[in-house]
Amino acid sequence: MTKPLAGLFKARQKDAARPVLYARSMRLCGEHLAGEGDGAGVPQVRLTRAIGVFAAALDSPSADPFDALLQVGERALEAGGERGLGLALGLAESSAGIRQRSKGAWRLRGLALDGLGRGDEALQCYERYVTLLGGGAPAPEVARRMDTLRRRRACVEAAVALFPEAGAGLAALLREPTTTTAVVEPRFASFVRDRLAEHGPGDPAVRRLLELHGRHRRLVEQGAVPEPLLGGATPVGVAGLRGLIAGRTVCLVANAGDVAKSTLGAEIDRYDLVVRCDGYRVRAEGTGERTGLHAVTLRGGAPWEEPAWTRPAGVRLVFGDPAADWRRAVRTRLAPGAQEHVGDASLRRPLADPALLSEGGWEPATTTAFTVLRLLDFLDASPRLDLIGFTLPGRLRPREAEWVMDRATHVDDSKMRIALR
């Protein structure tokens, strides 16, 4: 009789714990709602409604509130941000405590940890979810993230193996179970910069290290924006963008009234690739009509709530940090059919990315015009690279303007043109 009694005792313990876990979940929901400001967006509205359904299920003797609890977690994931992901994680932990073999609870927990940058912990939850499937196929998003997290870790481990002694600190960081992406990324970048300064770019091990770091940077973002969410556009990275502009004449047009009032439109449209920035305006006679590349920088606390990018462009480049805000904005603001190509995550912060320019010292509010100009100049694929409308003071920040004028090969004030080639 001992084993049956022990089993009955454990079952009663679990039953007693469930009301406590449901109450904890409701408290977490209340704390989240209390911290919300005015002007909530659609995801927050959906989350609030889901919390209401969960609360009603708790008050109904005939209802099982578990599914409603998981639904709140899913809506918290959609709301995103540190607060939304934190709520999703708290609810996932409660769900797994209520039903330890719930596939939905372990999947939710993994996605929340993944969103918070806790990759190793997320992978453990994903693996638990797959085990509970009993041989069934995991959700595509989970399979993709598991592969990405494993390959990402392999990049860092391979990098450490190239310089074991210097990489001891980075290796120790990887062994910490709660290490986050936000901690690993800058340490990995610092490790790469130090080895580059110590051994030089010609060293074979350094070249391999740079390759691994670039791959790691891409994997940090891999799978974050599935192709169906890109509005039919083809994602392009550094090599893809270089291929699109190679051999083409390029002009970057300022969003300025004197350009719009000019008669330069036809001349601007004769360039192979016309680049415009942010919320540009078009007046055919002055600015021209064509837009081959549109560059935009995410600004403000909730850039995903700004209007969609509906103006047609051959290529759309979106600059922004942090990565979570960039992903969310790209998902919500790309308009189907409005662009043929969209820059992937490897192009979201070209000035600071160690795999690209890795230039420190630029202000966080660097203009979009200078960011895209510096990227195009770095790619060095165009025989002609001109700026139209940037000859007057104030169009660029002082340090940006100084950089441009130091490299200008010709300035034509009558046509507001600065040539860099």
Protein backbone atom coordinates (compact mmCIF):
# COMPACT_ATOMS: atom_id res chain seq x y z
CA MET A 1 0.00 0.00 0.00
CA THR A 2 2.98 2.33 0.45
CA LYS A 3 3.43 3.24 -3.25
CA PRO A 4 -0.27 3.92 -3.96
CA LEU A 5 -0.47 6.11 -0.84
CA ALA A 6 2.68 8.00 -1.85
CA GLY A 7 1.25 8.56 -5.30
CA LEU A 8 -2.03 9.80 -3.85
CA PHE A 9 -0.15 12.18 -1.53
CA LYS A 10 1.83 13.65 -4.46
CA ALA A 11 -1.32 14.06 -6.52
CA ARG A 12 -2.98 15.97 -3.67
CA GLN A 13 0.12 18.17 -3.33
CA LYS A 14 -0.14 19.07 -7.01
CA ASP A 15 -3.84 19.81 -6.70
CA ALA A 16 -3.13 22.10 -3.74
CA ALA A 17 -0.40 23.94 -5.68
CA ARG A 18 -2.58 24.74 -8.70
CA PRO A 19 -4.73 27.46 -7.09
CA VAL A 20 -1.55 29.13 -5.83
CA LEU A 21 -0.02 29.10 -9.32
CA TYR A 22 -3.21 30.44 -10.91
CA ALA A 23 -3.32 33.19 -8.28
CA ARG A 24 0.33 34.01 -9.00
CA SER A 25 -0.46 34.25 -12.72
CA MET A 26 -3.39 36.58 -12.09
CA ARG A 27 -1.16 38.76 -9.90
CA LEU A 28 1.45 38.96 -12.67
CA CYS A 29 -1.25 40.02 -15.12
CA GLY A 30 -2.49 42.69 -12.73
CA GLU A 31 1.02 44.06 -12.19
CA HIS A 32 1.54 44.19 -15.96
CA LEU A 33 -1.71 46.09 -16.54
CA ALA A 34 -0.95 48.50 -13.70
CA GLY A 35 2.36 49.38 -15.36
CA GLU A 36 0.86 50.11 -18.77
CA GLY A 37 0.64 53.72 -19.87
CA ASP A 38 -2.01 55.40 -22.02
CA GLY A 39 -2.32 54.85 -25.74
CA ALA A 40 -1.89 51.06 -25.87
CA GLY A 41 -1.44 49.56 -29.32
CA VAL A 42 -3.30 46.63 -30.86
CA PRO A 43 -1.08 43.89 -29.31
CA GLN A 44 -1.62 45.34 -25.83
CA VAL A 45 -5.38 45.52 -26.39
CA ARG A 46 -5.42 41.86 -27.40
CA LEU A 47 -3.38 40.99 -24.31
CA THR A 48 -5.81 42.89 -22.06
CA ARG A 49 -8.74 41.00 -23.57
CA ALA A 50 -6.99 37.67 -23.04
CA ILE A 51 -6.40 38.57 -19.40
CA GLY A 52 -10.12 39.27 -19.08
CA VAL A 53 -10.99 35.84 -20.50
CA PHE A 54 -8.52 34.23 -18.08
CA ALA A 55 -10.01 36.07 -15.11
CA ALA A 56 -13.52 34.95 -16.13
CA ALA A 57 -12.34 31.34 -16.44
CA LEU A 58 -10.93 31.47 -12.91
CA ASP A 59 -14.35 32.54 -11.57
CA SER A 60 -16.25 29.82 -13.43
CA PRO A 61 -16.46 26.50 -11.52
CA SER A 62 -17.04 24.55 -14.75
CA ALA A 63 -14.23 26.14 -16.79
CA ASP A 64 -10.63 24.97 -17.09
CA PRO A 65 -8.54 28.15 -16.97
CA PHE A 66 -5.35 26.45 -18.21
CA ASP A 67 -5.91 27.10 -21.94
CA ALA A 68 -6.89 30.69 -21.17
CA LEU A 69 -3.65 31.08 -19.20
CA LEU A 70 -1.57 29.84 -22.15
CA GLN A 71 -3.46 32.24 -24.43
CA VAL A 72 -2.48 35.17 -22.20
CA GLY A 73 1.14 34.01 -22.50
CA GLU A 74 0.87 33.96 -26.30
CA ARG A 75 -0.58 37.47 -26.34
CA ALA A 76 2.20 38.65 -24.03
CA LEU A 77 4.73 37.28 -26.53
CA GLU A 78 3.02 39.28 -29.28
CA ALA A 79 3.13 42.44 -27.16
CA GLY A 80 6.90 41.97 -26.95
CA GLY A 81 9.36 44.22 -25.24
CA GLU A 82 11.00 43.37 -21.95
CA ARG A 83 7.73 43.71 -20.01
CA GLY A 84 5.70 41.59 -22.41
CA LEU A 85 8.33 38.87 -22.58
CA GLY A 86 8.78 38.96 -18.81
CA LEU A 87 5.04 38.41 -18.34
CA ALA A 88 5.08 35.56 -20.89
CA LEU A 89 7.94 33.89 -19.02
CA GLY A 90 6.22 34.22 -15.64
CA LEU A 91 3.01 32.72 -17.01
CA ALA A 92 4.94 29.93 -18.76
CA GLU A 93 6.64 29.02 -15.47
CA SER A 94 3.25 28.85 -13.75
CA SER A 95 1.82 26.78 -16.60
CA ALA A 96 4.67 24.29 -16.44
CA GLY A 97 4.14 24.04 -12.68
CA ILE A 98 0.44 23.33 -13.14
CA ARG A 99 0.97 20.76 -15.90
CA GLN A 100 4.54 19.58 -16.08
CA ARG A 101 3.95 17.65 -19.30
CA SER A 102 2.22 20.46 -21.17
CA LYS A 103 3.85 20.92 -24.56
CA GLY A 104 2.34 24.40 -24.87
CA ALA A 105 3.82 25.50 -21.54
CA TRP A 106 7.36 24.41 -22.44
CA ARG A 107 7.10 25.91 -25.93
CA LEU A 108 5.89 29.22 -24.44
CA ARG A 109 8.68 29.17 -21.86
CA GLY A 110 11.31 28.57 -24.53
CA LEU A 111 10.03 31.38 -26.77
CA ALA A 112 9.92 33.84 -23.86
CA LEU A 113 13.46 32.98 -22.74
CA ASP A 114 14.63 33.18 -26.36
CA GLY A 115 13.10 36.62 -26.75
CA LEU A 116 14.88 37.77 -23.59
CA GLY A 117 18.21 36.61 -25.02
CA ARG A 118 18.61 33.65 -22.64
CA GLY A 119 19.49 31.24 -25.42
CA ASP A 120 20.89 28.28 -23.46
CA GLU A 121 17.88 28.19 -21.14
CA ALA A 122 15.54 28.54 -24.13
CA LEU A 123 17.23 25.60 -25.87
CA GLN A 124 16.66 23.40 -22.81
CA CYS A 125 12.96 24.28 -22.85
CA TYR A 126 12.71 23.65 -26.58
CA GLU A 127 14.34 20.24 -26.09
CA ARG A 128 11.86 19.42 -23.32
CA TYR A 129 9.00 20.43 -25.65
CA VAL A 130 10.33 18.16 -28.42
CA THR A 131 10.67 15.25 -25.96
CA LEU A 132 7.03 15.67 -24.93
CA LEU A 133 5.99 15.48 -28.59
CA GLY A 134 7.02 11.81 -28.51
CA GLY A 135 8.47 11.73 -32.00
CA GLY A 136 6.12 14.28 -33.54
CA ALA A 137 7.41 17.19 -35.61
CA PRO A 138 8.04 20.38 -33.59
CA ALA A 139 6.52 23.69 -34.63
CA PRO A 140 8.59 25.21 -37.48
CA GLU A 141 9.48 28.28 -35.40
CA VAL A 142 10.87 26.07 -32.62
CA ALA A 143 12.85 23.86 -35.01
CA ARG A 144 14.34 26.96 -36.63
CA ARG A 145 15.28 28.55 -33.32
CA MET A 146 16.86 25.35 -31.97
CA ASP A 147 19.06 25.10 -35.03
CA THR A 148 19.99 28.78 -34.83
CA LEU A 149 20.88 28.68 -31.13
CA ARG A 150 23.07 25.59 -31.58
CA ARG A 151 24.92 27.06 -34.56
CA ARG A 152 25.36 30.38 -32.76
CA ARG A 153 27.02 28.73 -29.79
CA ALA A 154 29.19 26.65 -32.12
CA CYS A 155 30.53 29.87 -33.70
CA VAL A 156 31.68 31.22 -30.34
CA GLU A 157 33.19 27.88 -29.31
CA ALA A 158 35.10 27.65 -32.60
CA ALA A 159 36.33 31.23 -32.13
CA VAL A 160 37.61 30.44 -28.64
CA ALA A 161 39.38 27.34 -29.99
CA LEU A 162 41.43 29.57 -32.34
CA PHE A 163 42.92 31.49 -29.38
CA PRO A 164 42.32 29.26 -26.32
CA GLU A 165 44.36 31.24 -23.83
CA ALA A 166 42.96 34.65 -24.77
CA GLY A 167 39.47 33.18 -25.05
CA ALA A 168 39.37 31.65 -21.56
CA GLY A 169 37.11 34.40 -20.23
CA LEU A 170 34.69 34.06 -23.16
CA ALA A 171 34.63 30.28 -22.70
CA ALA A 172 33.82 30.71 -19.00
CA LEU A 173 30.98 33.05 -19.92
CA LEU A 174 29.49 30.38 -22.18
CA ARG A 175 29.49 27.90 -19.32
CA GLU A 176 27.29 30.12 -17.17
CA PRO A 177 23.72 28.76 -17.48
CA THR A 178 22.02 32.17 -17.35
CA THR A 179 24.29 33.98 -19.81
CA THR A 180 22.36 36.23 -22.20
CA THR A 181 22.96 37.31 -25.78
CA ALA A 182 23.27 40.90 -24.55
CA VAL A 183 26.29 39.85 -22.48
CA VAL A 184 27.93 37.50 -25.00
CA GLU A 185 27.72 39.78 -28.05
CA PRO A 186 29.84 42.70 -26.77
CA ARG A 187 32.35 40.31 -25.17
CA PHE A 188 32.67 38.39 -28.44
CA ALA A 189 33.07 41.65 -30.41
CA SER A 190 35.74 42.85 -27.96
CA PHE A 191 37.55 39.51 -28.28
CA VAL A 192 37.56 39.89 -32.08
CA ARG A 193 38.84 43.49 -31.96
CA ASP A 194 41.62 42.56 -29.56
CA ARG A 195 42.82 39.64 -31.69
CA LEU A 196 42.66 41.81 -34.82
CA ALA A 197 44.79 44.49 -33.15
CA GLU A 198 47.21 41.90 -31.78
CA HIS A 199 47.77 39.75 -34.89
CA GLY A 200 46.61 41.89 -37.81
CA PRO A 201 44.07 41.12 -40.56
CA GLY A 202 46.52 39.00 -42.55
CA ASP A 203 46.76 36.27 -39.93
CA PRO A 204 44.82 33.15 -41.10
CA ALA A 205 43.40 32.58 -37.62
CA VAL A 206 42.17 36.17 -37.48
CA ARG A 207 40.53 35.85 -40.89
CA ARG A 208 38.75 32.72 -39.67
CA LEU A 209 37.78 34.56 -36.47
CA LEU A 210 36.25 37.42 -38.48
CA GLU A 211 34.31 34.92 -40.55
CA LEU A 212 32.96 33.22 -37.42
CA HIS A 213 32.01 36.54 -35.86
CA GLY A 214 30.18 37.66 -38.98
CA ARG A 215 28.30 34.36 -39.08
CA HIS A 216 27.43 34.69 -35.40
CA ARG A 217 26.08 38.20 -35.94
CA ARG A 218 23.84 36.95 -38.74
CA LEU A 219 22.66 34.00 -36.65
CA VAL A 220 21.67 36.33 -33.82
CA GLU A 221 18.93 37.57 -36.13
CA GLN A 222 18.35 34.45 -38.24
CA GLY A 223 14.76 33.35 -38.50
CA ALA A 224 13.49 36.39 -36.66
CA VAL A 225 11.59 37.63 -39.71
CA PRO A 226 10.09 34.73 -41.69
CA GLU A 227 9.72 35.48 -45.39
CA PRO A 228 5.87 35.58 -45.35
CA LEU A 229 6.13 38.67 -43.15
CA LEU A 230 8.34 40.52 -45.64
CA GLY A 231 5.45 41.41 -47.91
CA GLY A 232 6.81 39.33 -50.78
CA ALA A 233 10.19 41.11 -50.71
CA THR A 234 13.50 39.31 -51.01
CA PRO A 235 15.81 39.83 -48.02
CA VAL A 236 19.36 40.94 -48.88
CA GLY A 237 22.52 41.09 -46.81
CA VAL A 238 25.78 42.89 -47.41
CA ALA A 239 26.81 40.83 -50.44
CA GLY A 240 23.32 41.03 -51.93
CA LEU A 241 23.16 44.80 -51.58
CA ARG A 242 26.59 45.20 -53.13
CA GLY A 243 25.43 43.12 -56.09
CA LEU A 244 22.37 45.32 -56.54
CA ILE A 245 24.38 48.57 -56.72
CA ALA A 246 27.53 47.30 -58.49
CA GLY A 247 28.41 49.38 -61.54
CA ARG A 248 25.45 51.74 -61.09
CA THR A 249 25.55 55.52 -60.70
CA VAL A 250 24.04 56.58 -57.37
CA CYS A 251 22.70 59.85 -55.97
CA LEU A 252 21.47 60.52 -52.45
CA VAL A 253 18.75 63.21 -52.43
CA ALA A 254 18.16 65.48 -49.42
CA ASN A 255 14.67 66.02 -47.96
CA ALA A 256 14.96 69.76 -48.39
CA GLY A 257 12.66 72.47 -49.65
CA ASP A 258 15.25 74.01 -51.96
CA VAL A 259 15.63 70.69 -53.78
CA ALA A 260 11.85 70.37 -54.16
CA LYS A 261 11.67 73.93 -55.55
CA SER A 262 14.54 73.36 -57.99
CA THR A 263 14.46 72.05 -61.56
CA LEU A 264 16.83 69.14 -60.91
CA GLY A 265 14.18 66.42 -61.14
CA ALA A 266 15.01 65.12 -64.61
CA GLU A 267 18.73 65.11 -63.85
CA ILE A 268 18.16 63.18 -60.60
CA ASP A 269 16.05 60.57 -62.35
CA ARG A 270 18.86 59.93 -64.85
CA TYR A 271 20.97 58.26 -62.13
CA ASP A 272 20.79 54.48 -62.13
CA LEU A 273 19.89 54.42 -58.43
CA VAL A 274 18.17 57.26 -56.56
CA VAL A 275 18.39 57.05 -52.76
CA ARG A 276 15.89 58.80 -50.48
CA CYS A 277 15.58 58.81 -46.70
CA ASP A 278 12.94 58.62 -43.99
CA GLY A 279 9.64 60.44 -44.74
CA TYR A 280 10.75 61.99 -48.02
CA ARG A 281 8.51 64.07 -50.28
CA VAL A 282 8.44 63.97 -54.04
CA ARG A 283 7.88 66.87 -56.44
CA ALA A 284 8.75 65.54 -59.88
CA GLU A 285 10.20 68.78 -61.27
CA GLY A 286 12.55 69.30 -58.34
CA THR A 287 13.21 65.97 -56.63
CA GLY A 288 12.59 63.54 -59.46
CA GLU A 289 10.12 60.68 -59.14
CA ARG A 290 12.15 57.50 -58.93
CA THR A 291 13.22 55.79 -55.70
CA GLY A 292 15.61 52.90 -56.13
CA LEU A 293 16.57 52.70 -52.47
CA HIS A 294 14.69 53.99 -49.44
CA ALA A 295 16.60 54.15 -46.13
CA VAL A 296 14.85 54.77 -42.84
CA THR A 297 16.02 54.92 -39.22
CA LEU A 298 13.77 53.78 -36.40
CA ARG A 299 13.23 56.53 -33.83
CA GLY A 300 11.23 56.80 -30.62
CA GLY A 301 10.11 54.33 -27.99
CA ALA A 302 7.64 52.39 -30.16
CA PRO A 303 8.80 52.60 -33.80
CA TRP A 304 6.57 49.67 -34.80
CA GLU A 305 3.48 51.86 -34.24
CA GLU A 306 4.47 54.41 -36.89
CA PRO A 307 2.80 54.36 -40.36
CA ALA A 308 3.66 51.58 -42.79
CA TRP A 309 6.24 52.12 -45.55
CA THR A 310 3.90 52.16 -48.52
CA ARG A 311 5.88 54.18 -51.08
CA PRO A 312 7.35 51.96 -53.80
CA ALA A 313 11.11 51.37 -53.64
CA GLY A 314 13.43 48.85 -55.21
CA VAL A 315 15.30 48.31 -51.92
CA ARG A 316 14.19 49.19 -48.40
CA LEU A 317 16.91 49.50 -45.73
CA VAL A 318 15.77 49.80 -42.12
CA PHE A 319 18.36 50.95 -39.57
CA GLY A 320 17.68 50.43 -35.88
CA ASP A 321 18.66 49.09 -32.49
CA PRO A 322 17.90 47.15 -30.33
CA ALA A 323 17.30 44.05 -32.40
CA ALA A 324 13.87 43.30 -30.89
CA ASP A 325 12.53 46.73 -31.88
CA TRP A 326 14.00 46.35 -35.37
CA ARG A 327 12.37 42.95 -35.85
CA ARG A 328 8.99 44.16 -34.66
CA ALA A 329 9.05 47.30 -36.81
CA VAL A 330 10.01 45.38 -39.94
CA ARG A 331 7.25 42.86 -39.30
CA THR A 332 4.55 45.48 -38.82
CA ARG A 333 5.52 48.33 -41.16
CA LEU A 334 6.55 46.64 -44.40
CA ALA A 335 3.71 46.97 -46.90
CA PRO A 336 3.18 44.01 -49.28
CA GLY A 337 4.36 44.84 -52.78
CA ALA A 338 5.93 48.18 -51.82
CA GLN A 339 9.53 46.93 -52.17
CA GLU A 340 11.38 44.28 -54.15
CA HIS A 341 14.20 43.80 -51.64
CA VAL A 342 14.56 44.51 -47.93
CA GLY A 343 17.80 44.69 -45.97
CA ASP A 344 18.22 41.87 -43.49
CA ALA A 345 19.49 42.15 -39.92
CA SER A 346 23.13 42.25 -41.00
CA LEU A 347 22.45 45.74 -42.39
CA ARG A 348 20.46 47.19 -39.49
CA ARG A 349 23.40 49.01 -37.81
CA PRO A 350 26.23 49.32 -40.34
CA LEU A 351 28.23 52.00 -38.52
CA ALA A 352 28.61 50.08 -35.26
CA ASP A 353 28.55 46.47 -36.44
CA PRO A 354 32.03 44.88 -36.02
CA ALA A 355 31.29 42.70 -39.05
CA LEU A 356 30.89 45.86 -41.19
CA LEU A 357 32.30 49.32 -40.48
CA SER A 358 32.79 48.99 -36.71
CA GLU A 359 33.26 52.75 -36.37
CA GLY A 360 32.78 54.03 -32.85
CA GLY A 361 32.15 57.60 -31.86
CA TRP A 362 29.19 58.38 -34.09
CA GLU A 363 26.22 59.86 -32.23
CA PRO A 364 23.16 57.67 -31.57
CA ALA A 365 21.13 60.22 -33.54
CA THR A 366 23.34 59.96 -36.64
CA THR A 367 21.28 61.02 -39.66
CA THR A 368 19.84 58.36 -41.93
CA ALA A 369 21.41 60.11 -44.91
CA PHE A 370 24.91 59.76 -43.50
CA THR A 371 24.36 56.15 -42.39
CA VAL A 372 23.29 55.02 -45.85
CA LEU A 373 25.97 57.17 -47.51
CA ARG A 374 28.70 55.68 -45.33
CA LEU A 375 27.43 52.18 -46.13
CA LEU A 376 27.38 52.82 -49.89
CA ASP A 377 30.86 54.34 -49.75
CA PHE A 378 32.14 51.34 -47.76
CA LEU A 379 30.72 48.87 -50.31
CA ASP A 380 32.69 50.77 -53.00
CA ALA A 381 30.64 49.28 -55.83
CA SER A 382 29.46 52.44 -57.64
CA PRO A 383 31.49 54.40 -60.19
CA ARG A 384 29.62 57.57 -59.24
CA LEU A 385 28.29 58.50 -55.80
CA ASP A 386 26.76 61.99 -55.52
CA LEU A 387 24.84 63.92 -52.88
CA ILE A 388 22.11 66.33 -54.02
CA GLY A 389 20.95 69.07 -51.67
CA PHE A 390 23.59 68.66 -48.96
CA THR A 391 25.79 71.67 -49.77
CA LEU A 392 24.11 73.99 -47.25
CA PRO A 393 24.93 73.82 -43.51
CA GLY A 394 22.55 71.91 -41.28
CA ARG A 395 21.65 69.11 -43.69
CA LEU A 396 24.14 66.82 -41.95
CA ARG A 397 25.54 66.92 -38.43
CA PRO A 398 28.85 68.82 -38.20
CA ARG A 399 31.04 65.73 -37.93
CA GLU A 400 29.13 64.04 -40.77
CA ALA A 401 29.52 67.10 -43.01
CA GLU A 402 33.23 67.21 -42.20
CA TRP A 403 33.60 63.56 -43.22
CA VAL A 404 31.83 64.25 -46.52
CA MET A 405 33.83 67.33 -47.42
CA ASP A 406 37.13 65.59 -46.59
CA ARG A 407 36.31 62.99 -49.24
CA ALA A 408 34.54 65.18 -51.81
CA THR A 409 36.12 65.17 -55.27
CA HIS A 410 33.93 67.99 -56.61
CA VAL A 411 31.34 70.47 -55.31
CA ASP A 412 28.86 72.23 -57.61
CA ASP A 413 26.84 74.77 -55.62
CA SER A 414 24.69 75.70 -58.63
CA LYS A 415 23.31 72.16 -58.74
CA MET A 416 23.62 71.49 -55.01
CA ARG A 417 25.83 68.52 -55.84
CA ILE A 418 28.73 66.97 -53.90
CA ALA A 419 30.59 64.21 -55.72
CA LEU A 420 32.47 61.47 -53.80
CA ARG A 421 33.70 59.65 -56.89
